[in-house]
Amino acid sequence: AGRSTKGTGTGTGSADGSGDSDTTNYGGLVLQHIQRNRRSNAAGAGRVRLKITIAPNGRVRNVAIAKTSGSTRFDRQAMRMVKMASPYPKPPPGQRPILVWITGS
């Protein structure tokens, strides 16, 4: 499901979980956290899909590009934004990396 914050673009989050509600809901929590912590048009225009691994303490362990926007600058800024929003809510046990779309306008 997509979420939109006027003036900041949209994004969707999904967990690569096994269907456990804690695991699947966590992707949405991460996306909400990113949306709350992003600055309007901070990353410019574009759309990138990021794979985010969050440590048990809520800190970002790794951010990787799953699908590039085609703009190295946009991709780097989106990754930086995800890292700067740390710490995130603590993940449930066994949480896998999360795929999130970051869209700028």
C-alpha atoms as a PDB file:
ATOM      1  CA  ALA A   1       0.000   0.000   0.000  1.00  0.00           C
ATOM      2  CA  GLY A   2       1.297   3.450  -0.834  1.00  0.00           C
ATOM      3  CA  ARG A   3       1.491   6.370   1.539  1.00  0.00           C
ATOM      4  CA  SER A   4       1.720   9.979   0.517  1.00  0.00           C
ATOM      5  CA  THR A   5       2.800  13.073   2.354  1.00  0.00           C
ATOM      6  CA  LYS A   6       1.937  16.208   0.395  1.00  0.00           C
ATOM      7  CA  GLY A   7       5.039  17.849  -1.018  1.00  0.00           C
ATOM      8  CA  THR A   8       7.415  15.071  -0.004  1.00  0.00           C
ATOM      9  CA  GLY A   9       6.639  12.342  -2.525  1.00  0.00           C
ATOM     10  CA  THR A  10       5.351   8.871  -1.820  1.00  0.00           C
ATOM     11  CA  GLY A  11       6.754   5.580  -0.692  1.00  0.00           C
ATOM     12  CA  THR A  12       5.778   2.027  -0.037  1.00  0.00           C
ATOM     13  CA  GLY A  13       7.314  -0.456   2.319  1.00  0.00           C
ATOM     14  CA  SER A  14       7.120  -4.192   2.469  1.00  0.00           C
ATOM     15  CA  ALA A  15       8.833  -6.743   4.623  1.00  0.00           C
ATOM     16  CA  ASP A  16      10.258  -9.903   3.149  1.00  0.00           C
ATOM     17  CA  GLY A  17       8.740 -11.837   6.020  1.00  0.00           C
ATOM     18  CA  SER A  18       6.954 -15.137   6.159  1.00  0.00           C
ATOM     19  CA  GLY A  19       3.544 -13.611   6.839  1.00  0.00           C
ATOM     20  CA  ASP A  20       4.007 -13.105  10.594  1.00  0.00           C
ATOM     21  CA  SER A  21       2.067  -9.910  11.399  1.00  0.00           C
ATOM     22  CA  ASP A  22       4.934  -8.417  13.448  1.00  0.00           C
ATOM     23  CA  THR A  23       7.278  -8.920  10.504  1.00  0.00           C
ATOM     24  CA  THR A  24       4.932  -7.649   7.794  1.00  0.00           C
ATOM     25  CA  ASN A  25       3.817  -4.609   9.829  1.00  0.00           C
ATOM     26  CA  TYR A  26       7.425  -3.623  10.510  1.00  0.00           C
ATOM     27  CA  GLY A  27       7.988  -2.506   6.901  1.00  0.00           C
ATOM     28  CA  GLY A  28       5.143  -0.024   7.309  1.00  0.00           C
ATOM     29  CA  LEU A  29       6.594   1.263  10.583  1.00  0.00           C
ATOM     30  CA  VAL A  30       9.954   1.856   8.903  1.00  0.00           C
ATOM     31  CA  LEU A  31       8.316   3.715   6.022  1.00  0.00           C
ATOM     32  CA  GLN A  32       6.333   5.918   8.424  1.00  0.00           C
ATOM     33  CA  HIS A  33       9.538   6.678  10.332  1.00  0.00           C
ATOM     34  CA  ILE A  34      11.300   7.714   7.103  1.00  0.00           C
ATOM     35  CA  GLN A  35       8.350   9.916   6.066  1.00  0.00           C
ATOM     36  CA  ARG A  36       8.287  11.653   9.483  1.00  0.00           C
ATOM     37  CA  ASN A  37      12.017  12.350   9.331  1.00  0.00           C
ATOM     38  CA  ARG A  38      12.401  13.486   5.737  1.00  0.00           C
ATOM     39  CA  ARG A  39      12.639  17.072   4.607  1.00  0.00           C
ATOM     40  CA  SER A  40      10.438  18.261   1.759  1.00  0.00           C
ATOM     41  CA  ASN A  41      12.091  17.453  -1.578  1.00  0.00           C
ATOM     42  CA  ALA A  42      15.376  16.752   0.217  1.00  0.00           C
ATOM     43  CA  ALA A  43      16.313  14.156  -2.392  1.00  0.00           C
ATOM     44  CA  GLY A  44      14.956  15.992  -5.457  1.00  0.00           C
ATOM     45  CA  ALA A  45      12.991  14.221  -8.184  1.00  0.00           C
ATOM     46  CA  GLY A  46      13.262  10.477  -8.765  1.00  0.00           C
ATOM     47  CA  ARG A  47      12.293   7.059  -7.425  1.00  0.00           C
ATOM     48  CA  VAL A  48      14.630   4.454  -5.950  1.00  0.00           C
ATOM     49  CA  ARG A  49      13.954   1.155  -4.203  1.00  0.00           C
ATOM     50  CA  LEU A  50      16.201   0.565  -1.206  1.00  0.00           C
ATOM     51  CA  LYS A  51      16.898  -2.600   0.755  1.00  0.00           C
ATOM     52  CA  ILE A  52      17.324  -1.668   4.415  1.00  0.00           C
ATOM     53  CA  THR A  53      18.732  -3.932   7.116  1.00  0.00           C
ATOM     54  CA  ILE A  54      18.060  -2.747  10.656  1.00  0.00           C
ATOM     55  CA  ALA A  55      19.999  -4.077  13.647  1.00  0.00           C
ATOM     56  CA  PRO A  56      18.185  -5.293  16.793  1.00  0.00           C
ATOM     57  CA  ASN A  57      18.916  -1.929  18.475  1.00  0.00           C
ATOM     58  CA  GLY A  58      17.106   0.001  15.701  1.00  0.00           C
ATOM     59  CA  ARG A  59      20.242   1.338  14.006  1.00  0.00           C
ATOM     60  CA  VAL A  60      20.694   0.955  10.250  1.00  0.00           C
ATOM     61  CA  ARG A  61      23.045  -1.943   9.612  1.00  0.00           C
ATOM     62  CA  ASN A  62      23.030  -1.650   5.814  1.00  0.00           C
ATOM     63  CA  VAL A  63      21.308   0.246   2.987  1.00  0.00           C
ATOM     64  CA  ALA A  64      21.610  -1.000  -0.587  1.00  0.00           C
ATOM     65  CA  ILE A  65      20.009  -0.040  -3.881  1.00  0.00           C
ATOM     66  CA  ALA A  66      17.521  -2.681  -5.033  1.00  0.00           C
ATOM     67  CA  LYS A  67      16.416  -0.636  -8.074  1.00  0.00           C
ATOM     68  CA  THR A  68      18.167   2.577  -9.073  1.00  0.00           C
ATOM     69  CA  SER A  69      16.373   5.781  -9.948  1.00  0.00           C
ATOM     70  CA  GLY A  70      18.825   6.266 -12.789  1.00  0.00           C
ATOM     71  CA  SER A  71      20.362   9.224 -10.942  1.00  0.00           C
ATOM     72  CA  THR A  72      23.428   8.532  -8.828  1.00  0.00           C
ATOM     73  CA  ARG A  73      22.841  11.786  -6.967  1.00  0.00           C
ATOM     74  CA  PHE A  74      19.207  10.945  -6.103  1.00  0.00           C
ATOM     75  CA  ASP A  75      20.135   7.399  -5.048  1.00  0.00           C
ATOM     76  CA  ARG A  76      22.917   8.661  -2.747  1.00  0.00           C
ATOM     77  CA  GLN A  77      20.678  11.297  -1.182  1.00  0.00           C
ATOM     78  CA  ALA A  78      17.891   8.762  -0.579  1.00  0.00           C
ATOM     79  CA  MET A  79      20.364   6.371   1.093  1.00  0.00           C
ATOM     80  CA  ARG A  80      21.695   9.227   3.228  1.00  0.00           C
ATOM     81  CA  MET A  81      18.154  10.182   4.248  1.00  0.00           C
ATOM     82  CA  VAL A  82      17.447   6.597   5.384  1.00  0.00           C
ATOM     83  CA  LYS A  83      20.668   6.507   7.418  1.00  0.00           C
ATOM     84  CA  MET A  84      20.007   9.910   9.008  1.00  0.00           C
ATOM     85  CA  ALA A  85      16.520   8.802  10.137  1.00  0.00           C
ATOM     86  CA  SER A  86      18.168   6.209  12.406  1.00  0.00           C
ATOM     87  CA  PRO A  87      17.399   4.946  14.990  1.00  0.00           C
ATOM     88  CA  TYR A  88      14.253   3.137  13.843  1.00  0.00           C
ATOM     89  CA  PRO A  89      11.770   1.219  15.963  1.00  0.00           C
ATOM     90  CA  LYS A  90      13.375  -2.010  17.147  1.00  0.00           C
ATOM     91  CA  PRO A  91      12.595  -4.835  14.699  1.00  0.00           C
ATOM     92  CA  PRO A  92      10.804  -8.024  15.708  1.00  0.00           C
ATOM     93  CA  PRO A  93      13.003 -11.121  16.141  1.00  0.00           C
ATOM     94  CA  GLY A  94      13.949 -12.672  12.809  1.00  0.00           C
ATOM     95  CA  GLN A  95      13.161  -9.545  10.766  1.00  0.00           C
ATOM     96  CA  ARG A  96      14.621  -9.715   7.268  1.00  0.00           C
ATOM     97  CA  PRO A  97      15.753  -6.701   5.231  1.00  0.00           C
ATOM     98  CA  ILE A  98      12.960  -4.358   4.173  1.00  0.00           C
ATOM     99  CA  LEU A  99      12.326  -3.055   0.659  1.00  0.00           C
ATOM    100  CA  VAL A 100      11.175   0.559   0.533  1.00  0.00           C
ATOM    101  CA  TRP A 101      10.458   2.918  -2.369  1.00  0.00           C
ATOM    102  CA  ILE A 102      11.745   6.465  -1.877  1.00  0.00           C
ATOM    103  CA  THR A 103      10.105   8.932  -4.248  1.00  0.00           C
ATOM    104  CA  GLY A 104      10.925  12.608  -4.584  1.00  0.00           C
ATOM    105  CA  SER A 105       9.088  15.239  -6.545  1.00  0.00           C
END
